[in-house]
Amino acid sequence: AVAWRCDEPSLRNDAMTIASVGGEDSIGAELTWWRQGAGMGLFRGSLELSGGRSARVVVKAKPSDQLLLEVAESVAALASPALGRAYAQFRDSIGFTRCHVREVALYRDAAARIRQHMPAVLALSPVEEDSRCVLVLDELPASALFHAGAADAPWSAAHLRAAIDGAADIHACWYDREVELRSQPWLAPVRSSERW
């Protein structure tokens, strides 16, 4: 179940079509989909709105962090039994812990300063520690800047400035608020220099 947040009062959430995106955007999502089934991963879709309008959306059905960690540990063990054991020992220090609740919480509670750099949120599932979560987001328009590779034209100076300024704006929201940030229930365990 998801809670619809769209300002569009006539959004008909029963008139949604979706198709799997596949795994080109996330190896972790693809491997988890392979292990868990078709209910996980990235999907593109369309929502019907009033007046015959429609909205293009991306639906993210994210597995729980524990399922993602299990898949990553299995892959590590396939590469090397020793690597699998090391991954198992330090799995809570890699950064995936609470990743499914973290993304929902950030979309739900983001400050306006951060929200201006995010796709619009149409729906979010409740935050539950041990289950998957679902996010329905406005699909960003296609851009040559997505997945730019060596064969693509380099970013212009204006694009680079915009990316750096946007990243700085996002990081500045928590500047000098480290104690408050560390108290957030969605934050992964803090990695000390000793833990590193």
N, C-alpha and C. Protein backbone atom coordinates (compact mmCIF):
# COMPACT_ATOMS: atom_id res chain seq x y z
N ALA A 1 0.85 -1.19 0.00
CA ALA A 1 0.00 0.00 0.00
C ALA A 1 0.88 1.24 0.00
N VAL A 2 0.47 2.23 -0.77
CA VAL A 2 1.21 3.48 -0.81
C VAL A 2 0.27 4.62 -0.46
N ALA A 3 0.83 5.67 0.09
CA ALA A 3 0.05 6.86 0.41
C ALA A 3 0.27 7.88 -0.69
N TRP A 4 -0.79 8.26 -1.37
CA TRP A 4 -0.68 9.20 -2.48
C TRP A 4 -0.50 10.61 -1.95
N ARG A 5 0.49 11.33 -2.48
CA ARG A 5 0.82 12.66 -1.99
C ARG A 5 0.62 13.74 -3.04
N CYS A 6 0.20 13.34 -4.21
CA CYS A 6 0.11 14.30 -5.32
C CYS A 6 -0.91 15.39 -5.01
N ASP A 7 -0.59 16.61 -5.41
CA ASP A 7 -1.52 17.72 -5.22
C ASP A 7 -2.70 17.64 -6.18
N GLU A 8 -2.61 16.77 -7.15
CA GLU A 8 -3.67 16.61 -8.15
C GLU A 8 -4.82 15.82 -7.52
N PRO A 9 -5.94 16.47 -7.15
CA PRO A 9 -7.00 15.76 -6.42
C PRO A 9 -7.69 14.69 -7.25
N SER A 10 -7.61 14.79 -8.56
CA SER A 10 -8.33 13.81 -9.37
C SER A 10 -7.42 12.72 -9.91
N LEU A 11 -6.25 12.58 -9.31
CA LEU A 11 -5.36 11.50 -9.71
C LEU A 11 -6.06 10.17 -9.47
N ARG A 12 -6.13 9.35 -10.50
CA ARG A 12 -6.78 8.06 -10.36
C ARG A 12 -5.70 7.00 -10.25
N ASN A 13 -5.36 6.61 -9.03
CA ASN A 13 -4.26 5.67 -8.86
C ASN A 13 -4.61 4.26 -9.32
N ASP A 14 -5.86 4.00 -9.68
CA ASP A 14 -6.21 2.69 -10.21
C ASP A 14 -6.02 2.65 -11.72
N ALA A 15 -5.65 3.76 -12.32
CA ALA A 15 -5.45 3.81 -13.77
C ALA A 15 -3.97 4.01 -14.05
N MET A 16 -3.19 3.01 -13.71
CA MET A 16 -1.74 3.09 -13.85
C MET A 16 -1.26 1.92 -14.67
N THR A 17 -0.40 2.19 -15.63
CA THR A 17 0.24 1.12 -16.38
C THR A 17 1.73 1.21 -16.14
N ILE A 18 2.39 0.06 -15.95
CA ILE A 18 3.82 0.07 -15.72
C ILE A 18 4.50 -1.01 -16.53
N ALA A 19 5.79 -0.81 -16.79
CA ALA A 19 6.61 -1.80 -17.48
C ALA A 19 7.99 -1.77 -16.84
N SER A 20 8.60 -2.94 -16.70
CA SER A 20 9.91 -3.03 -16.06
C SER A 20 10.95 -2.26 -16.86
N VAL A 21 11.83 -1.59 -16.13
CA VAL A 21 12.94 -0.88 -16.76
C VAL A 21 14.08 -1.85 -17.01
N GLY A 22 14.16 -2.91 -16.22
CA GLY A 22 15.30 -3.81 -16.31
C GLY A 22 16.37 -3.36 -15.34
N GLY A 23 17.56 -3.90 -15.48
CA GLY A 23 18.60 -3.64 -14.50
C GLY A 23 19.69 -2.72 -14.95
N GLU A 24 19.49 -1.98 -16.04
CA GLU A 24 20.60 -1.17 -16.53
C GLU A 24 20.97 -0.04 -15.58
N ASP A 25 20.08 0.33 -14.67
CA ASP A 25 20.37 1.44 -13.77
C ASP A 25 20.86 0.98 -12.40
N SER A 26 20.76 -0.30 -12.08
CA SER A 26 21.16 -0.75 -10.75
C SER A 26 21.46 -2.23 -10.76
N ILE A 27 22.73 -2.57 -10.58
CA ILE A 27 23.11 -3.97 -10.52
C ILE A 27 22.48 -4.63 -9.31
N GLY A 28 22.48 -3.91 -8.17
CA GLY A 28 21.88 -4.46 -6.95
C GLY A 28 20.41 -4.77 -7.14
N ALA A 29 19.68 -3.85 -7.78
CA ALA A 29 18.25 -4.07 -8.02
C ALA A 29 18.03 -5.26 -8.94
N GLU A 30 18.87 -5.37 -9.97
CA GLU A 30 18.72 -6.48 -10.91
C GLU A 30 18.97 -7.82 -10.23
N LEU A 31 20.02 -7.90 -9.41
CA LEU A 31 20.32 -9.16 -8.73
C LEU A 31 19.26 -9.50 -7.71
N THR A 32 18.73 -8.50 -7.02
CA THR A 32 17.68 -8.74 -6.04
C THR A 32 16.40 -9.18 -6.74
N TRP A 33 16.09 -8.56 -7.89
CA TRP A 33 14.93 -8.97 -8.69
C TRP A 33 15.08 -10.42 -9.10
N TRP A 34 16.30 -10.79 -9.53
CA TRP A 34 16.57 -12.16 -9.96
C TRP A 34 16.33 -13.14 -8.82
N ARG A 35 16.70 -12.76 -7.61
CA ARG A 35 16.55 -13.66 -6.46
C ARG A 35 15.13 -13.66 -5.90
N GLN A 36 14.49 -12.50 -5.88
CA GLN A 36 13.21 -12.34 -5.18
C GLN A 36 12.00 -12.46 -6.10
N GLY A 37 12.16 -12.08 -7.35
CA GLY A 37 11.03 -12.15 -8.26
C GLY A 37 10.69 -10.79 -8.85
N ALA A 38 9.68 -10.77 -9.69
CA ALA A 38 9.36 -9.60 -10.49
C ALA A 38 8.78 -8.43 -9.72
N GLY A 39 8.51 -8.58 -8.43
CA GLY A 39 7.92 -7.49 -7.67
C GLY A 39 8.91 -6.42 -7.25
N MET A 40 10.19 -6.58 -7.58
CA MET A 40 11.22 -5.63 -7.19
C MET A 40 11.81 -4.97 -8.43
N GLY A 41 12.36 -3.79 -8.24
CA GLY A 41 13.10 -3.15 -9.32
C GLY A 41 12.52 -1.80 -9.71
N LEU A 42 12.96 -1.34 -10.87
CA LEU A 42 12.53 -0.06 -11.42
C LEU A 42 11.52 -0.30 -12.53
N PHE A 43 10.48 0.53 -12.54
CA PHE A 43 9.44 0.41 -13.56
C PHE A 43 9.11 1.81 -14.06
N ARG A 44 8.82 1.91 -15.32
CA ARG A 44 8.30 3.16 -15.88
C ARG A 44 6.80 2.98 -16.04
N GLY A 45 6.08 4.07 -15.86
CA GLY A 45 4.64 3.94 -15.95
C GLY A 45 3.96 5.22 -16.37
N SER A 46 2.66 5.14 -16.44
CA SER A 46 1.84 6.27 -16.82
C SER A 46 0.63 6.29 -15.89
N LEU A 47 0.29 7.48 -15.39
CA LEU A 47 -0.89 7.67 -14.56
C LEU A 47 -1.90 8.51 -15.33
N GLU A 48 -3.15 8.17 -15.20
CA GLU A 48 -4.20 8.98 -15.81
C GLU A 48 -4.61 10.08 -14.85
N LEU A 49 -4.72 11.29 -15.37
CA LEU A 49 -5.17 12.44 -14.59
C LEU A 49 -6.49 12.94 -15.16
N SER A 50 -7.08 13.88 -14.49
CA SER A 50 -8.36 14.42 -14.98
C SER A 50 -8.17 15.10 -16.32
N GLY A 51 -9.25 15.21 -17.06
CA GLY A 51 -9.22 15.90 -18.35
C GLY A 51 -8.45 15.17 -19.43
N GLY A 52 -8.25 13.85 -19.24
CA GLY A 52 -7.55 13.08 -20.26
C GLY A 52 -6.04 13.26 -20.24
N ARG A 53 -5.53 13.97 -19.25
CA ARG A 53 -4.08 14.15 -19.15
C ARG A 53 -3.45 12.91 -18.53
N SER A 54 -2.15 12.77 -18.73
CA SER A 54 -1.43 11.67 -18.09
C SER A 54 -0.08 12.18 -17.60
N ALA A 55 0.51 11.44 -16.68
CA ALA A 55 1.82 11.78 -16.14
C ALA A 55 2.72 10.57 -16.27
N ARG A 56 3.95 10.80 -16.73
CA ARG A 56 4.94 9.73 -16.80
C ARG A 56 5.60 9.61 -15.43
N VAL A 57 5.72 8.38 -14.94
CA VAL A 57 6.28 8.16 -13.62
C VAL A 57 7.34 7.06 -13.64
N VAL A 58 8.14 7.06 -12.60
CA VAL A 58 9.05 5.95 -12.31
C VAL A 58 8.60 5.35 -10.99
N VAL A 59 8.42 4.05 -10.97
CA VAL A 59 8.05 3.33 -9.76
C VAL A 59 9.27 2.54 -9.31
N LYS A 60 9.68 2.79 -8.06
CA LYS A 60 10.81 2.07 -7.48
C LYS A 60 10.27 1.15 -6.40
N ALA A 61 10.36 -0.16 -6.63
CA ALA A 61 9.98 -1.15 -5.62
C ALA A 61 11.29 -1.68 -5.05
N LYS A 62 11.64 -1.16 -3.87
CA LYS A 62 12.94 -1.44 -3.28
C LYS A 62 12.83 -2.59 -2.28
N PRO A 63 13.79 -3.51 -2.33
CA PRO A 63 13.80 -4.58 -1.33
C PRO A 63 14.25 -4.03 0.02
N SER A 64 14.03 -4.81 1.07
CA SER A 64 14.56 -4.43 2.37
C SER A 64 16.08 -4.44 2.31
N ASP A 65 16.70 -3.71 3.20
CA ASP A 65 18.16 -3.68 3.22
C ASP A 65 18.74 -5.06 3.47
N GLN A 66 18.07 -5.87 4.30
CA GLN A 66 18.61 -7.19 4.61
C GLN A 66 18.64 -8.09 3.37
N LEU A 67 17.62 -8.00 2.54
CA LEU A 67 17.61 -8.79 1.30
C LEU A 67 18.72 -8.32 0.37
N LEU A 68 18.90 -7.03 0.24
CA LEU A 68 19.96 -6.50 -0.61
C LEU A 68 21.34 -6.92 -0.08
N LEU A 69 21.53 -6.88 1.23
CA LEU A 69 22.79 -7.29 1.84
C LEU A 69 23.04 -8.79 1.62
N GLU A 70 21.99 -9.60 1.69
CA GLU A 70 22.15 -11.04 1.44
C GLU A 70 22.59 -11.30 0.01
N VAL A 71 22.00 -10.58 -0.94
CA VAL A 71 22.37 -10.76 -2.34
C VAL A 71 23.82 -10.33 -2.56
N ALA A 72 24.20 -9.17 -2.01
CA ALA A 72 25.57 -8.69 -2.16
C ALA A 72 26.57 -9.66 -1.52
N GLU A 73 26.21 -10.20 -0.38
CA GLU A 73 27.09 -11.17 0.29
C GLU A 73 27.25 -12.42 -0.57
N SER A 74 26.18 -12.88 -1.19
CA SER A 74 26.25 -14.05 -2.07
C SER A 74 27.17 -13.79 -3.25
N VAL A 75 27.07 -12.60 -3.84
CA VAL A 75 27.93 -12.26 -4.98
C VAL A 75 29.39 -12.20 -4.52
N ALA A 76 29.63 -11.60 -3.35
CA ALA A 76 30.99 -11.53 -2.83
C ALA A 76 31.56 -12.93 -2.62
N ALA A 77 30.75 -13.85 -2.08
CA ALA A 77 31.21 -15.22 -1.84
C ALA A 77 31.48 -15.96 -3.15
N LEU A 78 30.71 -15.64 -4.21
CA LEU A 78 30.98 -16.25 -5.51
C LEU A 78 32.32 -15.80 -6.07
N ALA A 79 32.66 -14.54 -5.83
CA ALA A 79 33.94 -14.02 -6.30
C ALA A 79 35.10 -14.66 -5.54
N SER A 80 34.91 -14.84 -4.23
CA SER A 80 35.96 -15.43 -3.39
C SER A 80 35.35 -15.79 -2.04
N PRO A 81 35.54 -17.01 -1.57
CA PRO A 81 35.01 -17.36 -0.24
C PRO A 81 35.52 -16.42 0.85
N ALA A 82 36.78 -16.01 0.77
CA ALA A 82 37.34 -15.09 1.78
C ALA A 82 36.64 -13.74 1.71
N LEU A 83 36.36 -13.26 0.50
CA LEU A 83 35.65 -12.00 0.34
C LEU A 83 34.23 -12.11 0.90
N GLY A 84 33.58 -13.24 0.67
CA GLY A 84 32.25 -13.46 1.22
C GLY A 84 32.25 -13.43 2.74
N ARG A 85 33.26 -14.04 3.36
CA ARG A 85 33.35 -14.01 4.83
C ARG A 85 33.60 -12.59 5.33
N ALA A 86 34.48 -11.85 4.65
CA ALA A 86 34.76 -10.47 5.05
C ALA A 86 33.51 -9.60 4.90
N TYR A 87 32.78 -9.81 3.80
CA TYR A 87 31.54 -9.05 3.59
C TYR A 87 30.56 -9.35 4.71
N ALA A 88 30.41 -10.62 5.07
CA ALA A 88 29.49 -11.00 6.14
C ALA A 88 29.88 -10.34 7.46
N GLN A 89 31.18 -10.25 7.72
CA GLN A 89 31.65 -9.67 8.98
C GLN A 89 31.37 -8.18 9.06
N PHE A 90 31.49 -7.48 7.93
CA PHE A 90 31.39 -6.02 7.93
C PHE A 90 30.17 -5.49 7.17
N ARG A 91 29.17 -6.33 6.94
CA ARG A 91 28.06 -5.94 6.07
C ARG A 91 27.30 -4.71 6.55
N ASP A 92 27.24 -4.48 7.86
CA ASP A 92 26.53 -3.30 8.37
C ASP A 92 27.34 -2.02 8.21
N SER A 93 28.59 -2.15 7.77
CA SER A 93 29.44 -0.97 7.62
C SER A 93 29.66 -0.57 6.16
N ILE A 94 28.93 -1.20 5.25
CA ILE A 94 29.16 -0.94 3.83
C ILE A 94 28.31 0.22 3.31
N GLY A 95 27.19 0.50 3.94
CA GLY A 95 26.36 1.63 3.54
C GLY A 95 24.96 1.26 3.08
N PHE A 96 24.69 -0.04 2.88
CA PHE A 96 23.35 -0.46 2.46
C PHE A 96 22.38 -0.56 3.63
N THR A 97 22.88 -0.64 4.86
CA THR A 97 22.01 -0.80 6.01
C THR A 97 21.02 0.35 6.07
N ARG A 98 19.74 0.01 6.17
CA ARG A 98 18.61 0.95 6.22
C ARG A 98 18.41 1.74 4.92
N CYS A 99 19.00 1.29 3.82
CA CYS A 99 18.89 2.06 2.57
C CYS A 99 17.45 2.19 2.10
N HIS A 100 16.61 1.19 2.34
CA HIS A 100 15.23 1.26 1.86
C HIS A 100 14.41 2.26 2.68
N VAL A 101 14.63 2.30 3.98
CA VAL A 101 13.89 3.28 4.79
C VAL A 101 14.49 4.68 4.63
N ARG A 102 15.79 4.75 4.36
CA ARG A 102 16.44 6.05 4.20
C ARG A 102 15.89 6.79 2.98
N GLU A 103 15.74 6.10 1.88
CA GLU A 103 15.27 6.78 0.67
C GLU A 103 13.84 7.29 0.85
N VAL A 104 12.97 6.46 1.43
CA VAL A 104 11.59 6.90 1.67
C VAL A 104 11.58 8.10 2.62
N ALA A 105 12.36 8.02 3.70
CA ALA A 105 12.39 9.12 4.67
C ALA A 105 12.90 10.40 4.04
N LEU A 106 13.91 10.30 3.20
CA LEU A 106 14.45 11.51 2.57
C LEU A 106 13.43 12.12 1.60
N TYR A 107 12.72 11.29 0.85
CA TYR A 107 11.69 11.83 -0.04
C TYR A 107 10.53 12.41 0.77
N ARG A 108 10.19 11.77 1.89
CA ARG A 108 9.06 12.21 2.69
C ARG A 108 9.35 13.51 3.43
N ASP A 109 10.55 13.64 3.98
CA ASP A 109 10.84 14.73 4.91
C ASP A 109 11.86 15.74 4.40
N ALA A 110 12.24 15.67 3.15
CA ALA A 110 13.30 16.55 2.65
C ALA A 110 12.93 18.02 2.80
N ALA A 111 13.92 18.80 3.16
CA ALA A 111 13.75 20.25 3.22
C ALA A 111 13.53 20.78 1.80
N ALA A 112 12.88 21.93 1.71
CA ALA A 112 12.61 22.53 0.40
C ALA A 112 13.90 22.71 -0.39
N ARG A 113 14.97 23.00 0.29
CA ARG A 113 16.26 23.23 -0.36
C ARG A 113 16.76 21.96 -1.07
N ILE A 114 16.47 20.81 -0.47
CA ILE A 114 16.84 19.54 -1.10
C ILE A 114 15.80 19.15 -2.14
N ARG A 115 14.54 19.37 -1.83
CA ARG A 115 13.44 18.93 -2.70
C ARG A 115 13.54 19.54 -4.11
N GLN A 116 14.11 20.73 -4.21
CA GLN A 116 14.22 21.35 -5.54
C GLN A 116 15.16 20.59 -6.47
N HIS A 117 15.94 19.67 -5.92
CA HIS A 117 16.87 18.87 -6.72
C HIS A 117 16.39 17.44 -6.91
N MET A 118 15.15 17.16 -6.51
CA MET A 118 14.61 15.80 -6.56
C MET A 118 13.42 15.73 -7.51
N PRO A 119 13.16 14.54 -8.06
CA PRO A 119 11.90 14.39 -8.80
C PRO A 119 10.73 14.59 -7.85
N ALA A 120 9.60 15.04 -8.36
CA ALA A 120 8.41 15.21 -7.52
C ALA A 120 7.93 13.85 -7.04
N VAL A 121 7.50 13.81 -5.79
CA VAL A 121 7.01 12.57 -5.18
C VAL A 121 5.50 12.51 -5.33
N LEU A 122 5.01 11.43 -5.93
CA LEU A 122 3.57 11.23 -6.06
C LEU A 122 3.03 10.30 -4.99
N ALA A 123 3.81 9.29 -4.62
CA ALA A 123 3.35 8.33 -3.61
C ALA A 123 4.54 7.67 -2.95
N LEU A 124 4.35 7.34 -1.68
CA LEU A 124 5.36 6.63 -0.89
C LEU A 124 4.70 5.56 -0.06
N SER A 125 5.37 4.44 0.10
CA SER A 125 4.86 3.43 1.02
C SER A 125 5.27 3.81 2.43
N PRO A 126 4.60 3.24 3.43
CA PRO A 126 5.02 3.51 4.80
C PRO A 126 6.43 2.96 5.03
N VAL A 127 7.15 3.55 5.96
CA VAL A 127 8.50 3.09 6.29
C VAL A 127 8.38 1.92 7.26
N GLU A 128 8.82 0.76 6.80
CA GLU A 128 8.81 -0.43 7.64
C GLU A 128 10.17 -1.09 7.54
N GLU A 129 10.76 -1.40 8.67
CA GLU A 129 12.14 -1.89 8.71
C GLU A 129 12.36 -3.16 7.91
N ASP A 130 11.39 -4.08 7.91
CA ASP A 130 11.65 -5.41 7.38
C ASP A 130 10.90 -5.74 6.10
N SER A 131 10.46 -4.74 5.37
CA SER A 131 9.74 -5.04 4.14
C SER A 131 10.19 -4.10 3.03
N ARG A 132 9.77 -4.43 1.82
CA ARG A 132 10.14 -3.57 0.70
C ARG A 132 9.37 -2.26 0.79
N CYS A 133 9.82 -1.30 0.04
CA CYS A 133 9.11 -0.03 -0.01
C CYS A 133 8.89 0.35 -1.47
N VAL A 134 7.91 1.20 -1.68
CA VAL A 134 7.55 1.61 -3.04
C VAL A 134 7.53 3.13 -3.10
N LEU A 135 8.16 3.68 -4.13
CA LEU A 135 8.14 5.12 -4.38
C LEU A 135 7.60 5.34 -5.79
N VAL A 136 6.71 6.30 -5.95
CA VAL A 136 6.22 6.69 -7.27
C VAL A 136 6.66 8.14 -7.47
N LEU A 137 7.50 8.36 -8.47
CA LEU A 137 8.12 9.66 -8.70
C LEU A 137 7.85 10.13 -10.12
N ASP A 138 7.82 11.44 -10.30
CA ASP A 138 7.75 11.98 -11.66
C ASP A 138 8.97 11.51 -12.43
N GLU A 139 8.75 11.08 -13.67
CA GLU A 139 9.87 10.68 -14.50
C GLU A 139 10.60 11.93 -15.00
N LEU A 140 11.90 11.96 -14.85
CA LEU A 140 12.67 13.08 -15.36
C LEU A 140 12.73 13.00 -16.88
N PRO A 141 12.73 14.14 -17.55
CA PRO A 141 12.80 14.10 -19.02
C PRO A 141 14.13 13.53 -19.48
N ALA A 142 14.11 12.91 -20.64
CA ALA A 142 15.34 12.35 -21.20
C ALA A 142 16.37 13.44 -21.40
N SER A 143 17.62 13.09 -21.18
CA SER A 143 18.69 14.07 -21.31
C SER A 143 19.95 13.35 -21.76
N ALA A 144 20.73 14.00 -22.60
CA ALA A 144 22.01 13.44 -23.02
C ALA A 144 23.00 13.38 -21.86
N LEU A 145 22.68 14.07 -20.76
CA LEU A 145 23.59 14.08 -19.62
C LEU A 145 23.48 12.81 -18.78
N PHE A 146 22.36 12.09 -18.91
CA PHE A 146 22.21 10.84 -18.16
C PHE A 146 23.16 9.80 -18.73
N HIS A 147 23.86 9.11 -17.84
CA HIS A 147 24.74 8.01 -18.24
C HIS A 147 25.75 8.43 -19.31
N ALA A 148 26.22 9.65 -19.25
CA ALA A 148 27.18 10.12 -20.25
C ALA A 148 28.43 9.25 -20.19
N GLY A 149 28.88 8.81 -21.35
CA GLY A 149 30.07 7.96 -21.43
C GLY A 149 31.18 8.65 -22.20
N ALA A 150 32.24 7.91 -22.43
CA ALA A 150 33.42 8.47 -23.08
C ALA A 150 33.12 8.98 -24.49
N ALA A 151 32.13 8.36 -25.16
CA ALA A 151 31.82 8.75 -26.53
C ALA A 151 30.91 9.98 -26.60
N ASP A 152 30.33 10.38 -25.47
CA ASP A 152 29.42 11.51 -25.47
C ASP A 152 30.18 12.83 -25.37
N ALA A 153 29.52 13.88 -25.79
CA ALA A 153 30.12 15.21 -25.67
C ALA A 153 30.32 15.53 -24.19
N PRO A 154 31.42 16.17 -23.84
CA PRO A 154 31.63 16.50 -22.42
C PRO A 154 30.61 17.51 -21.93
N TRP A 155 30.39 17.51 -20.63
CA TRP A 155 29.48 18.49 -20.04
C TRP A 155 30.06 19.88 -20.25
N SER A 156 29.19 20.82 -20.46
CA SER A 156 29.64 22.22 -20.59
C SER A 156 30.01 22.75 -19.20
N ALA A 157 30.70 23.88 -19.19
CA ALA A 157 31.06 24.51 -17.92
C ALA A 157 29.79 24.86 -17.13
N ALA A 158 28.73 25.27 -17.82
CA ALA A 158 27.48 25.61 -17.14
C ALA A 158 26.85 24.38 -16.49
N HIS A 159 26.89 23.22 -17.18
CA HIS A 159 26.37 21.98 -16.61
C HIS A 159 27.17 21.58 -15.38
N LEU A 160 28.49 21.67 -15.47
CA LEU A 160 29.33 21.32 -14.33
C LEU A 160 29.05 22.22 -13.13
N ARG A 161 28.93 23.52 -13.39
CA ARG A 161 28.64 24.47 -12.29
C ARG A 161 27.29 24.14 -11.65
N ALA A 162 26.29 23.84 -12.48
CA ALA A 162 24.96 23.52 -11.95
C ALA A 162 25.02 22.25 -11.10
N ALA A 163 25.75 21.24 -11.55
CA ALA A 163 25.86 19.99 -10.78
C ALA A 163 26.58 20.23 -9.45
N ILE A 164 27.66 20.97 -9.48
CA ILE A 164 28.42 21.24 -8.26
C ILE A 164 27.60 22.11 -7.30
N ASP A 165 26.95 23.13 -7.83
CA ASP A 165 26.11 23.99 -6.98
C ASP A 165 24.96 23.21 -6.36
N GLY A 166 24.33 22.33 -7.15
CA GLY A 166 23.23 21.53 -6.63
C GLY A 166 23.69 20.58 -5.54
N ALA A 167 24.82 19.89 -5.77
CA ALA A 167 25.36 18.98 -4.76
C ALA A 167 25.73 19.75 -3.49
N ALA A 168 26.31 20.92 -3.65
CA ALA A 168 26.67 21.74 -2.49
C ALA A 168 25.43 22.17 -1.72
N ASP A 169 24.37 22.53 -2.44
CA ASP A 169 23.12 22.94 -1.80
C ASP A 169 22.53 21.79 -0.97
N ILE A 170 22.59 20.58 -1.51
CA ILE A 170 22.07 19.41 -0.79
C ILE A 170 22.90 19.15 0.47
N HIS A 171 24.21 19.13 0.32
CA HIS A 171 25.07 18.84 1.47
C HIS A 171 25.00 19.94 2.53
N ALA A 172 24.78 21.17 2.09
CA ALA A 172 24.73 22.29 3.04
C ALA A 172 23.56 22.19 4.00
N CYS A 173 22.51 21.45 3.62
CA CYS A 173 21.34 21.33 4.50
C CYS A 173 21.69 20.72 5.84
N TRP A 174 22.67 19.84 5.88
CA TRP A 174 23.05 19.19 7.14
C TRP A 174 24.35 19.77 7.71
N TYR A 175 24.86 20.82 7.08
CA TYR A 175 26.11 21.41 7.57
C TYR A 175 25.95 21.89 9.01
N ASP A 176 26.91 21.54 9.84
CA ASP A 176 26.95 21.95 11.25
C ASP A 176 25.75 21.40 12.04
N ARG A 177 25.15 20.31 11.56
CA ARG A 177 24.03 19.66 12.25
C ARG A 177 24.32 18.16 12.41
N GLU A 178 25.58 17.83 12.63
CA GLU A 178 26.00 16.44 12.66
C GLU A 178 25.31 15.64 13.75
N VAL A 179 25.15 16.22 14.93
CA VAL A 179 24.49 15.50 16.03
C VAL A 179 23.05 15.17 15.65
N GLU A 180 22.35 16.13 15.06
CA GLU A 180 20.96 15.89 14.63
C GLU A 180 20.90 14.83 13.54
N LEU A 181 21.83 14.90 12.59
CA LEU A 181 21.86 13.92 11.50
C LEU A 181 22.11 12.52 12.04
N ARG A 182 23.05 12.38 12.96
CA ARG A 182 23.36 11.06 13.52
C ARG A 182 22.19 10.47 14.30
N SER A 183 21.27 11.29 14.73
CA SER A 183 20.12 10.79 15.50
C SER A 183 18.98 10.30 14.60
N GLN A 184 19.10 10.49 13.30
CA GLN A 184 18.02 10.08 12.40
C GLN A 184 17.93 8.55 12.35
N PRO A 185 16.74 7.98 12.50
CA PRO A 185 16.61 6.52 12.54
C PRO A 185 16.92 5.83 11.21
N TRP A 186 16.94 6.59 10.12
CA TRP A 186 17.20 5.99 8.81
C TRP A 186 18.67 6.00 8.43
N LEU A 187 19.50 6.63 9.22
CA LEU A 187 20.91 6.72 8.87
C LEU A 187 21.58 5.36 9.06
N ALA A 188 22.47 5.01 8.15
CA ALA A 188 23.25 3.78 8.30
C ALA A 188 24.17 3.93 9.51
N PRO A 189 24.61 2.82 10.10
CA PRO A 189 25.54 2.94 11.23
C PRO A 189 26.74 3.80 10.85
N VAL A 190 27.09 4.70 11.74
CA VAL A 190 28.20 5.62 11.47
C VAL A 190 29.49 4.83 11.47
N ARG A 191 30.31 5.08 10.46
CA ARG A 191 31.57 4.34 10.32
C ARG A 191 32.72 5.19 10.86
N SER A 192 33.27 4.77 11.95
CA SER A 192 34.40 5.48 12.55
C SER A 192 35.67 5.11 11.81
N SER A 193 36.75 5.83 12.08
CA SER A 193 38.03 5.50 11.44
C SER A 193 38.48 4.11 11.87
N GLU A 194 38.19 3.70 13.12
CA GLU A 194 38.54 2.35 13.57
C GLU A 194 37.77 1.30 12.78
N ARG A 195 36.47 1.59 12.52
CA ARG A 195 35.66 0.64 11.76
C ARG A 195 36.15 0.53 10.32
N TRP A 196 36.54 1.69 9.75
CA TRP A 196 37.10 1.65 8.40
C TRP A 196 38.33 0.75 8.37
